[in-house]
Amino acid sequence: MRVKLDEGLPVSLAERLAKHGIDADTVFAEGLAGRSDPEILAAAVEEKRMVFTLDRGFGNIRTYPPGSHSGIVVFRLDDQSARAVIAAVEDLVIHHELADLAGAVTVAHRGLLRIRR
């Protein structure tokens, strides 16, 4: 699975995801930091990458309809510290098959997933 990490996520997460067999790239590594959500999603679509983000705007299915991209996972976390974000992302990749989320808009909140296909 290929993932693009949005700028709110720790850059170190890319290395941690690699240990789970996930090819993760960051918006920082590609010079996309500070770009608009549509620009980030366009880059992810071009690279066939799923977007992991804290940005709730990506959860809008009218703006980002399921099936128009490789998948979006929005992490809605009460605690957005690096430690909490890393734990939430690792929980997702350990307990769920990312291929099942391909093309969907998924919101991960408190260990539960809301998946829009």
N, C-alpha and C. Protein backbone atom coordinates (compact mmCIF):
# COMPACT_ATOMS: atom_id res chain seq x y z
N MET A 1 0.85 -1.17 0.00
CA MET A 1 0.00 0.00 0.00
C MET A 1 0.89 1.24 0.00
N ARG A 2 0.43 2.27 -0.69
CA ARG A 2 1.17 3.53 -0.80
C ARG A 2 0.35 4.62 -0.10
N VAL A 3 1.02 5.40 0.74
CA VAL A 3 0.35 6.41 1.56
C VAL A 3 1.09 7.73 1.45
N LYS A 4 0.32 8.83 1.46
CA LYS A 4 0.91 10.17 1.57
C LYS A 4 0.49 10.73 2.93
N LEU A 5 1.47 11.15 3.72
CA LEU A 5 1.22 11.72 5.03
C LEU A 5 1.09 13.23 4.92
N ASP A 6 -0.04 13.75 5.34
CA ASP A 6 -0.28 15.19 5.29
C ASP A 6 0.60 15.88 6.34
N GLU A 7 0.69 17.20 6.25
CA GLU A 7 1.65 17.94 7.06
C GLU A 7 1.38 17.92 8.57
N GLY A 8 0.21 17.58 9.02
CA GLY A 8 -0.06 17.52 10.45
C GLY A 8 0.48 16.27 11.12
N LEU A 9 0.91 15.30 10.31
CA LEU A 9 1.40 14.04 10.85
C LEU A 9 2.92 14.08 11.00
N PRO A 10 3.44 13.42 12.04
CA PRO A 10 4.89 13.42 12.24
C PRO A 10 5.62 12.78 11.05
N VAL A 11 6.68 13.41 10.60
CA VAL A 11 7.48 12.89 9.49
C VAL A 11 8.06 11.53 9.83
N SER A 12 8.38 11.30 11.10
CA SER A 12 8.95 10.02 11.53
C SER A 12 8.00 8.85 11.31
N LEU A 13 6.74 9.16 11.11
CA LEU A 13 5.75 8.12 10.87
C LEU A 13 6.03 7.34 9.59
N ALA A 14 6.64 7.98 8.60
CA ALA A 14 6.96 7.31 7.34
C ALA A 14 7.86 6.10 7.58
N GLU A 15 8.87 6.26 8.41
CA GLU A 15 9.77 5.15 8.73
C GLU A 15 9.06 4.06 9.50
N ARG A 16 8.20 4.44 10.42
CA ARG A 16 7.46 3.46 11.22
C ARG A 16 6.52 2.66 10.33
N LEU A 17 5.89 3.32 9.36
CA LEU A 17 4.98 2.62 8.46
C LEU A 17 5.73 1.67 7.54
N ALA A 18 6.95 2.02 7.18
CA ALA A 18 7.78 1.14 6.35
C ALA A 18 7.98 -0.21 7.02
N LYS A 19 8.05 -0.22 8.33
CA LYS A 19 8.21 -1.47 9.08
C LYS A 19 6.98 -2.35 8.97
N HIS A 20 5.87 -1.77 8.57
CA HIS A 20 4.62 -2.52 8.36
C HIS A 20 4.40 -2.80 6.87
N GLY A 21 5.42 -2.54 6.06
CA GLY A 21 5.32 -2.80 4.63
C GLY A 21 4.57 -1.75 3.84
N ILE A 22 4.45 -0.56 4.41
CA ILE A 22 3.72 0.53 3.76
C ILE A 22 4.71 1.55 3.21
N ASP A 23 4.55 1.89 1.94
CA ASP A 23 5.37 2.89 1.29
C ASP A 23 4.75 4.26 1.59
N ALA A 24 5.31 4.96 2.54
CA ALA A 24 4.77 6.25 2.97
C ALA A 24 5.67 7.39 2.54
N ASP A 25 5.05 8.42 1.99
CA ASP A 25 5.75 9.62 1.59
C ASP A 25 5.09 10.78 2.35
N THR A 26 5.82 11.86 2.51
CA THR A 26 5.27 13.00 3.24
C THR A 26 5.14 14.21 2.33
N VAL A 27 4.22 15.10 2.68
CA VAL A 27 4.08 16.33 1.90
C VAL A 27 5.34 17.18 2.03
N PHE A 28 6.05 17.05 3.14
CA PHE A 28 7.30 17.80 3.33
C PHE A 28 8.36 17.34 2.34
N ALA A 29 8.48 16.03 2.18
CA ALA A 29 9.50 15.47 1.28
C ALA A 29 9.26 15.88 -0.17
N GLU A 30 8.01 16.15 -0.50
CA GLU A 30 7.68 16.51 -1.88
C GLU A 30 7.52 18.01 -2.09
N GLY A 31 7.77 18.81 -1.06
CA GLY A 31 7.63 20.25 -1.17
C GLY A 31 6.19 20.71 -1.27
N LEU A 32 5.27 19.93 -0.71
CA LEU A 32 3.85 20.27 -0.77
C LEU A 32 3.33 20.90 0.52
N ALA A 33 4.19 21.08 1.50
CA ALA A 33 3.75 21.68 2.77
C ALA A 33 3.17 23.06 2.51
N GLY A 34 2.04 23.34 3.11
CA GLY A 34 1.40 24.64 2.95
C GLY A 34 0.49 24.73 1.74
N ARG A 35 0.48 23.69 0.91
CA ARG A 35 -0.38 23.69 -0.27
C ARG A 35 -1.82 23.39 0.13
N SER A 36 -2.73 23.68 -0.76
CA SER A 36 -4.15 23.46 -0.48
C SER A 36 -4.48 21.96 -0.47
N ASP A 37 -5.59 21.64 0.16
CA ASP A 37 -6.03 20.24 0.20
C ASP A 37 -6.20 19.67 -1.20
N PRO A 38 -6.86 20.39 -2.13
CA PRO A 38 -7.00 19.83 -3.48
C PRO A 38 -5.65 19.55 -4.16
N GLU A 39 -4.65 20.39 -3.92
CA GLU A 39 -3.33 20.16 -4.51
C GLU A 39 -2.68 18.91 -3.91
N ILE A 40 -2.83 18.73 -2.60
CA ILE A 40 -2.26 17.55 -1.95
C ILE A 40 -2.95 16.29 -2.45
N LEU A 41 -4.28 16.34 -2.55
CA LEU A 41 -5.00 15.17 -3.03
C LEU A 41 -4.65 14.88 -4.49
N ALA A 42 -4.50 15.90 -5.31
CA ALA A 42 -4.12 15.69 -6.72
C ALA A 42 -2.77 14.98 -6.81
N ALA A 43 -1.82 15.38 -5.97
CA ALA A 43 -0.52 14.72 -5.97
C ALA A 43 -0.65 13.26 -5.53
N ALA A 44 -1.50 13.02 -4.53
CA ALA A 44 -1.71 11.64 -4.06
C ALA A 44 -2.37 10.79 -5.15
N VAL A 45 -3.34 11.36 -5.84
CA VAL A 45 -4.02 10.64 -6.92
C VAL A 45 -3.03 10.29 -8.02
N GLU A 46 -2.20 11.24 -8.38
CA GLU A 46 -1.20 11.02 -9.43
C GLU A 46 -0.26 9.88 -9.06
N GLU A 47 0.08 9.80 -7.78
CA GLU A 47 1.01 8.77 -7.30
C GLU A 47 0.31 7.51 -6.82
N LYS A 48 -1.03 7.48 -6.93
CA LYS A 48 -1.84 6.35 -6.46
C LYS A 48 -1.57 6.07 -4.98
N ARG A 49 -1.63 7.15 -4.18
CA ARG A 49 -1.41 7.03 -2.75
C ARG A 49 -2.67 7.40 -1.97
N MET A 50 -2.89 6.70 -0.89
CA MET A 50 -3.95 7.02 0.06
C MET A 50 -3.44 8.16 0.94
N VAL A 51 -4.30 9.10 1.29
CA VAL A 51 -3.91 10.23 2.14
C VAL A 51 -4.26 9.93 3.59
N PHE A 52 -3.29 10.11 4.49
CA PHE A 52 -3.53 10.08 5.93
C PHE A 52 -3.42 11.52 6.41
N THR A 53 -4.40 11.99 7.16
CA THR A 53 -4.42 13.39 7.56
C THR A 53 -5.15 13.60 8.88
N LEU A 54 -4.89 14.74 9.49
CA LEU A 54 -5.65 15.20 10.65
C LEU A 54 -6.67 16.26 10.22
N ASP A 55 -6.59 16.69 8.98
CA ASP A 55 -7.41 17.77 8.44
C ASP A 55 -8.83 17.28 8.17
N ARG A 56 -9.77 17.72 8.99
CA ARG A 56 -11.16 17.25 8.88
C ARG A 56 -11.80 17.63 7.55
N GLY A 57 -11.28 18.66 6.89
CA GLY A 57 -11.81 19.06 5.59
C GLY A 57 -11.75 17.94 4.56
N PHE A 58 -10.77 17.06 4.68
CA PHE A 58 -10.66 15.94 3.77
C PHE A 58 -11.80 14.93 3.94
N GLY A 59 -12.52 15.02 5.03
CA GLY A 59 -13.62 14.10 5.28
C GLY A 59 -14.91 14.49 4.58
N ASN A 60 -14.92 15.61 3.88
CA ASN A 60 -16.11 16.09 3.17
C ASN A 60 -16.29 15.29 1.89
N ILE A 61 -17.29 14.39 1.87
CA ILE A 61 -17.46 13.52 0.71
C ILE A 61 -18.06 14.25 -0.49
N ARG A 62 -18.60 15.44 -0.28
CA ARG A 62 -19.07 16.22 -1.44
C ARG A 62 -17.88 16.81 -2.19
N THR A 63 -16.88 17.22 -1.44
CA THR A 63 -15.67 17.79 -2.05
C THR A 63 -14.75 16.69 -2.56
N TYR A 64 -14.65 15.59 -1.82
CA TYR A 64 -13.75 14.48 -2.15
C TYR A 64 -14.56 13.18 -2.20
N PRO A 65 -15.36 13.00 -3.26
CA PRO A 65 -16.25 11.83 -3.32
C PRO A 65 -15.48 10.51 -3.33
N PRO A 66 -15.99 9.53 -2.59
CA PRO A 66 -15.38 8.20 -2.63
C PRO A 66 -15.28 7.71 -4.08
N GLY A 67 -14.18 7.05 -4.38
CA GLY A 67 -13.95 6.53 -5.71
C GLY A 67 -13.22 7.48 -6.64
N SER A 68 -13.08 8.74 -6.22
CA SER A 68 -12.38 9.72 -7.07
C SER A 68 -10.90 9.84 -6.69
N HIS A 69 -10.45 9.00 -5.78
CA HIS A 69 -9.08 9.03 -5.26
C HIS A 69 -8.73 7.64 -4.75
N SER A 70 -7.52 7.47 -4.28
CA SER A 70 -7.06 6.16 -3.79
C SER A 70 -7.49 5.89 -2.35
N GLY A 71 -8.08 6.87 -1.72
CA GLY A 71 -8.54 6.72 -0.33
C GLY A 71 -8.02 7.85 0.53
N ILE A 72 -8.84 8.20 1.50
CA ILE A 72 -8.49 9.25 2.47
C ILE A 72 -8.82 8.70 3.85
N VAL A 73 -7.88 8.83 4.78
CA VAL A 73 -8.15 8.49 6.18
C VAL A 73 -7.92 9.74 7.00
N VAL A 74 -8.99 10.20 7.63
CA VAL A 74 -8.94 11.37 8.51
C VAL A 74 -8.90 10.85 9.94
N PHE A 75 -7.87 11.22 10.67
CA PHE A 75 -7.74 10.84 12.07
C PHE A 75 -8.30 11.96 12.93
N ARG A 76 -9.42 11.71 13.57
CA ARG A 76 -10.03 12.70 14.47
C ARG A 76 -9.59 12.35 15.88
N LEU A 77 -8.62 13.07 16.36
CA LEU A 77 -8.02 12.75 17.66
C LEU A 77 -8.20 13.90 18.63
N ASP A 78 -8.61 13.58 19.86
CA ASP A 78 -8.71 14.60 20.89
C ASP A 78 -7.31 15.10 21.26
N ASP A 79 -6.36 14.19 21.29
CA ASP A 79 -4.96 14.51 21.59
C ASP A 79 -4.18 14.39 20.28
N GLN A 80 -3.67 15.50 19.77
CA GLN A 80 -2.93 15.47 18.50
C GLN A 80 -1.43 15.56 18.70
N SER A 81 -0.95 15.13 19.87
CA SER A 81 0.49 15.09 20.09
C SER A 81 1.09 14.03 19.18
N ALA A 82 2.37 14.16 18.90
CA ALA A 82 3.05 13.20 18.01
C ALA A 82 2.84 11.77 18.51
N ARG A 83 2.96 11.57 19.79
CA ARG A 83 2.81 10.22 20.37
C ARG A 83 1.42 9.66 20.10
N ALA A 84 0.38 10.48 20.32
CA ALA A 84 -1.00 10.02 20.12
C ALA A 84 -1.29 9.76 18.64
N VAL A 85 -0.76 10.61 17.78
CA VAL A 85 -0.98 10.44 16.34
C VAL A 85 -0.32 9.15 15.86
N ILE A 86 0.91 8.93 16.26
CA ILE A 86 1.64 7.71 15.87
C ILE A 86 0.89 6.48 16.36
N ALA A 87 0.41 6.52 17.60
CA ALA A 87 -0.33 5.38 18.15
C ALA A 87 -1.60 5.12 17.35
N ALA A 88 -2.33 6.15 16.98
CA ALA A 88 -3.58 5.99 16.24
C ALA A 88 -3.32 5.42 14.85
N VAL A 89 -2.29 5.91 14.17
CA VAL A 89 -1.97 5.42 12.83
C VAL A 89 -1.51 3.97 12.90
N GLU A 90 -0.64 3.66 13.85
CA GLU A 90 -0.17 2.28 13.98
C GLU A 90 -1.32 1.34 14.34
N ASP A 91 -2.25 1.80 15.17
CA ASP A 91 -3.42 0.99 15.51
C ASP A 91 -4.21 0.67 14.25
N LEU A 92 -4.38 1.66 13.39
CA LEU A 92 -5.11 1.44 12.15
C LEU A 92 -4.42 0.39 11.28
N VAL A 93 -3.13 0.55 11.05
CA VAL A 93 -2.45 -0.35 10.12
C VAL A 93 -2.25 -1.75 10.69
N ILE A 94 -2.24 -1.88 12.00
CA ILE A 94 -2.10 -3.20 12.62
C ILE A 94 -3.42 -3.95 12.62
N HIS A 95 -4.51 -3.24 12.87
CA HIS A 95 -5.80 -3.90 13.05
C HIS A 95 -6.74 -3.87 11.85
N HIS A 96 -6.36 -3.17 10.80
CA HIS A 96 -7.23 -3.08 9.63
C HIS A 96 -6.42 -3.27 8.35
N GLU A 97 -7.05 -3.82 7.36
CA GLU A 97 -6.43 -4.00 6.06
C GLU A 97 -6.64 -2.72 5.25
N LEU A 98 -5.56 -2.00 4.95
CA LEU A 98 -5.68 -0.74 4.24
C LEU A 98 -6.30 -0.92 2.86
N ALA A 99 -6.09 -2.05 2.24
CA ALA A 99 -6.68 -2.30 0.92
C ALA A 99 -8.21 -2.22 0.98
N ASP A 100 -8.79 -2.54 2.13
CA ASP A 100 -10.25 -2.46 2.29
C ASP A 100 -10.75 -1.02 2.32
N LEU A 101 -9.84 -0.06 2.55
CA LEU A 101 -10.20 1.35 2.63
C LEU A 101 -9.90 2.09 1.33
N ALA A 102 -9.38 1.38 0.34
CA ALA A 102 -9.01 2.01 -0.93
C ALA A 102 -10.23 2.66 -1.58
N GLY A 103 -10.07 3.90 -1.99
CA GLY A 103 -11.12 4.64 -2.66
C GLY A 103 -12.18 5.22 -1.74
N ALA A 104 -12.13 4.89 -0.48
CA ALA A 104 -13.12 5.35 0.49
C ALA A 104 -12.64 6.58 1.24
N VAL A 105 -13.57 7.28 1.86
CA VAL A 105 -13.24 8.34 2.82
C VAL A 105 -13.52 7.74 4.18
N THR A 106 -12.48 7.60 4.98
CA THR A 106 -12.58 6.95 6.28
C THR A 106 -12.23 7.94 7.38
N VAL A 107 -13.04 7.96 8.42
CA VAL A 107 -12.75 8.77 9.59
C VAL A 107 -12.46 7.81 10.74
N ALA A 108 -11.25 7.92 11.30
CA ALA A 108 -10.84 7.09 12.44
C ALA A 108 -10.95 7.93 13.70
N HIS A 109 -11.77 7.46 14.64
CA HIS A 109 -12.01 8.21 15.88
C HIS A 109 -12.20 7.23 17.02
N ARG A 110 -11.30 7.32 18.00
CA ARG A 110 -11.36 6.49 19.21
C ARG A 110 -11.43 5.00 18.88
N GLY A 111 -10.62 4.59 17.92
CA GLY A 111 -10.53 3.18 17.57
C GLY A 111 -11.64 2.68 16.65
N LEU A 112 -12.58 3.52 16.32
CA LEU A 112 -13.66 3.14 15.43
C LEU A 112 -13.47 3.78 14.06
N LEU A 113 -13.97 3.11 13.04
CA LEU A 113 -13.85 3.64 11.68
C LEU A 113 -15.24 3.90 11.10
N ARG A 114 -15.40 5.07 10.50
CA ARG A 114 -16.60 5.38 9.72
C ARG A 114 -16.12 5.42 8.27
N ILE A 115 -16.61 4.49 7.48
CA ILE A 115 -16.11 4.33 6.11
C ILE A 115 -17.22 4.72 5.14
N ARG A 116 -16.90 5.64 4.26
CA ARG A 116 -17.84 6.07 3.20
C ARG A 116 -17.28 5.59 1.88
N ARG A 117 -18.02 4.77 1.17
CA ARG A 117 -17.59 4.23 -0.12
C ARG A 117 -18.35 4.86 -1.25
